[in-house]
Amino acid sequence: MQAIIVTGGKQYSVKEGDELFIEKLNVEAEDTVVFDQVLAVVDGENSKFGTPVVAGAKVEAKVIKNGKSKKVVVFKYRPKKDSKSIRGHRQPYTKVKIEKIAL
C-alpha cells in the first residue's frame, strides 16, 4: 500500500516501513504523528484519489529523531570590489518512520 502525503509544503510518496526526512515538526523523539492530508492511496486495484484530499485517510508515523542536515556554505564574491561574504546554513529536519496507512 502506498500513499501520497503533504507536510511542510512538500509532497511525499510513502509506503509502510519507509523512513524519510521531512521539514521540522514540533514533536519529540519516539512520539507518534498523524498526517491527515493524504492526496492518494494506492493498493493494487483499490486506488483512491482525493479532490484535493482523500476523506478519512490518514498516515501514522513514529518520530525517530530531530536534527540538522549538513552545512551548506553560501559564498558571495564580487570581483574587483574587494568584497566577499561567507555564510553557512543547516536546515532542521525530523526523521520519521511510516507505521500505518489507513483508509
C-alpha atoms as a PDB file:
ATOM      1  CA  MET A   1       0.000   0.000   0.000  1.00  0.00           C
ATOM      2  CA  GLN A   2       1.292   3.427  -0.985  1.00  0.00           C
ATOM      3  CA  ALA A   3       0.120   6.933  -0.146  1.00  0.00           C
ATOM      4  CA  ILE A   4       0.976  10.470  -1.151  1.00  0.00           C
ATOM      5  CA  ILE A   5       1.008  12.872   1.800  1.00  0.00           C
ATOM      6  CA  VAL A   6       1.567  16.599   2.205  1.00  0.00           C
ATOM      7  CA  THR A   7       3.647  18.026   5.051  1.00  0.00           C
ATOM      8  CA  GLY A   8       5.794  21.132   5.287  1.00  0.00           C
ATOM      9  CA  GLY A   9       4.569  22.318   1.887  1.00  0.00           C
ATOM     10  CA  LYS A  10       6.024  19.258   0.145  1.00  0.00           C
ATOM     11  CA  GLN A  11       4.522  16.038  -1.172  1.00  0.00           C
ATOM     12  CA  TYR A  12       5.963  12.627  -0.284  1.00  0.00           C
ATOM     13  CA  SER A  13       5.199   9.189  -1.698  1.00  0.00           C
ATOM     14  CA  VAL A  14       5.353   6.754   1.233  1.00  0.00           C
ATOM     15  CA  LYS A  15       4.961   3.040   1.981  1.00  0.00           C
ATOM     16  CA  GLU A  16       4.715   1.286   5.326  1.00  0.00           C
ATOM     17  CA  GLY A  17       8.191   0.897   6.837  1.00  0.00           C
ATOM     18  CA  ASP A  18       9.706   3.850   4.951  1.00  0.00           C
ATOM     19  CA  GLU A  19      11.995   6.257   6.781  1.00  0.00           C
ATOM     20  CA  LEU A  20      12.100   9.788   5.462  1.00  0.00           C
ATOM     21  CA  PHE A  21      13.381  13.237   6.343  1.00  0.00           C
ATOM     22  CA  ILE A  22      10.669  15.904   6.435  1.00  0.00           C
ATOM     23  CA  GLU A  23      10.543  19.548   7.441  1.00  0.00           C
ATOM     24  CA  LYS A  24      10.933  20.038  11.199  1.00  0.00           C
ATOM     25  CA  LEU A  25       7.854  19.309  13.318  1.00  0.00           C
ATOM     26  CA  ASN A  26       7.347  20.400  16.930  1.00  0.00           C
ATOM     27  CA  VAL A  27       7.324  16.866  18.359  1.00  0.00           C
ATOM     28  CA  GLU A  28       9.746  14.890  20.493  1.00  0.00           C
ATOM     29  CA  ALA A  29      11.534  11.664  19.532  1.00  0.00           C
ATOM     30  CA  GLU A  30       9.523   8.437  19.973  1.00  0.00           C
ATOM     31  CA  ASP A  31       6.213  10.343  19.612  1.00  0.00           C
ATOM     32  CA  THR A  32       3.559   9.397  17.077  1.00  0.00           C
ATOM     33  CA  VAL A  33       2.449  11.893  14.442  1.00  0.00           C
ATOM     34  CA  VAL A  34      -0.604  11.575  12.164  1.00  0.00           C
ATOM     35  CA  PHE A  35      -0.696  13.019   8.660  1.00  0.00           C
ATOM     36  CA  ASP A  36      -4.279  13.624   7.579  1.00  0.00           C
ATOM     37  CA  GLN A  37      -3.576  15.448   4.322  1.00  0.00           C
ATOM     38  CA  VAL A  38      -3.471  12.345   2.101  1.00  0.00           C
ATOM     39  CA  LEU A  39      -3.740  13.083  -1.619  1.00  0.00           C
ATOM     40  CA  ALA A  40      -3.912   9.483  -2.849  1.00  0.00           C
ATOM     41  CA  VAL A  41      -3.921   5.910  -1.560  1.00  0.00           C
ATOM     42  CA  VAL A  42      -2.859   3.119  -3.949  1.00  0.00           C
ATOM     43  CA  ASP A  43      -3.373  -0.542  -3.009  1.00  0.00           C
ATOM     44  CA  GLY A  44      -3.248  -2.712  -6.119  1.00  0.00           C
ATOM     45  CA  GLU A  45      -6.587  -2.252  -7.848  1.00  0.00           C
ATOM     46  CA  ASN A  46      -8.088  -0.323  -4.905  1.00  0.00           C
ATOM     47  CA  SER A  47      -6.904   3.204  -5.654  1.00  0.00           C
ATOM     48  CA  LYS A  48      -8.445   6.324  -4.179  1.00  0.00           C
ATOM     49  CA  PHE A  49      -7.567   9.819  -5.311  1.00  0.00           C
ATOM     50  CA  GLY A  50      -8.737  12.864  -3.400  1.00  0.00           C
ATOM     51  CA  THR A  51     -10.134  16.149  -4.584  1.00  0.00           C
ATOM     52  CA  PRO A  52      -7.887  17.505  -3.063  1.00  0.00           C
ATOM     53  CA  VAL A  53      -7.597  15.023  -0.142  1.00  0.00           C
ATOM     54  CA  VAL A  54      -8.983  11.534   0.468  1.00  0.00           C
ATOM     55  CA  ALA A  55     -11.723  11.738   3.114  1.00  0.00           C
ATOM     56  CA  GLY A  56     -10.970   9.649   6.208  1.00  0.00           C
ATOM     57  CA  ALA A  57      -7.497   8.575   5.102  1.00  0.00           C
ATOM     58  CA  LYS A  58      -4.560   9.048   7.443  1.00  0.00           C
ATOM     59  CA  VAL A  59      -0.949   8.001   7.747  1.00  0.00           C
ATOM     60  CA  GLU A  60       0.596   7.306  11.146  1.00  0.00           C
ATOM     61  CA  ALA A  61       4.328   7.727  11.653  1.00  0.00           C
ATOM     62  CA  LYS A  62       6.756   7.427  14.561  1.00  0.00           C
ATOM     63  CA  VAL A  63       9.325  10.176  15.085  1.00  0.00           C
ATOM     64  CA  ILE A  64      12.838   8.754  15.166  1.00  0.00           C
ATOM     65  CA  LYS A  65      14.790  11.960  15.793  1.00  0.00           C
ATOM     66  CA  ASN A  66      15.053  15.683  15.197  1.00  0.00           C
ATOM     67  CA  GLY A  67      18.270  17.081  13.818  1.00  0.00           C
ATOM     68  CA  LYS A  68      20.062  19.347  11.397  1.00  0.00           C
ATOM     69  CA  SER A  69      21.366  18.448   7.957  1.00  0.00           C
ATOM     70  CA  LYS A  70      24.920  19.045   6.764  1.00  0.00           C
ATOM     71  CA  LYS A  71      26.090  22.613   6.428  1.00  0.00           C
ATOM     72  CA  VAL A  72      25.543  24.397   3.136  1.00  0.00           C
ATOM     73  CA  VAL A  73      28.109  27.154   2.536  1.00  0.00           C
ATOM     74  CA  VAL A  74      26.875  30.269   0.728  1.00  0.00           C
ATOM     75  CA  PHE A  75      29.824  32.217  -0.711  1.00  0.00           C
ATOM     76  CA  LYS A  76      29.289  35.556  -2.433  1.00  0.00           C
ATOM     77  CA  TYR A  77      32.224  37.114  -4.259  1.00  0.00           C
ATOM     78  CA  ARG A  78      32.289  40.403  -6.111  1.00  0.00           C
ATOM     79  CA  PRO A  79      35.328  40.706  -8.366  1.00  0.00           C
ATOM     80  CA  LYS A  80      37.331  43.953  -8.412  1.00  0.00           C
ATOM     81  CA  LYS A  81      35.357  45.297  -5.441  1.00  0.00           C
ATOM     82  CA  ASP A  82      37.311  43.644  -2.601  1.00  0.00           C
ATOM     83  CA  SER A  83      34.026  42.318  -1.290  1.00  0.00           C
ATOM     84  CA  LYS A  84      33.100  38.803  -0.282  1.00  0.00           C
ATOM     85  CA  SER A  85      30.875  37.133   2.283  1.00  0.00           C
ATOM     86  CA  ILE A  86      30.634  33.608   3.599  1.00  0.00           C
ATOM     87  CA  ARG A  87      27.516  32.332   5.307  1.00  0.00           C
ATOM     88  CA  GLY A  88      26.520  28.842   6.398  1.00  0.00           C
ATOM     89  CA  HIS A  89      23.120  27.217   6.877  1.00  0.00           C
ATOM     90  CA  ARG A  90      21.971  23.935   8.448  1.00  0.00           C
ATOM     91  CA  GLN A  91      18.376  23.015   7.660  1.00  0.00           C
ATOM     92  CA  PRO A  92      16.482  21.423  10.579  1.00  0.00           C
ATOM     93  CA  TYR A  93      14.609  18.178   9.881  1.00  0.00           C
ATOM     94  CA  THR A  94      12.508  15.486  11.521  1.00  0.00           C
ATOM     95  CA  LYS A  95      13.196  11.847  10.656  1.00  0.00           C
ATOM     96  CA  VAL A  96      10.040   9.697  10.721  1.00  0.00           C
ATOM     97  CA  LYS A  97       9.205   6.045  10.097  1.00  0.00           C
ATOM     98  CA  ILE A  98       5.852   5.270   8.484  1.00  0.00           C
ATOM     99  CA  GLU A  99       3.946   2.825  10.679  1.00  0.00           C
ATOM    100  CA  LYS A 100       0.462   2.519   9.191  1.00  0.00           C
ATOM    101  CA  ILE A 101      -1.606   3.732   6.223  1.00  0.00           C
ATOM    102  CA  ALA A 102      -5.348   3.670   6.954  1.00  0.00           C
ATOM    103  CA  LEU A 103      -8.372   4.458   4.821  1.00  0.00           C
END
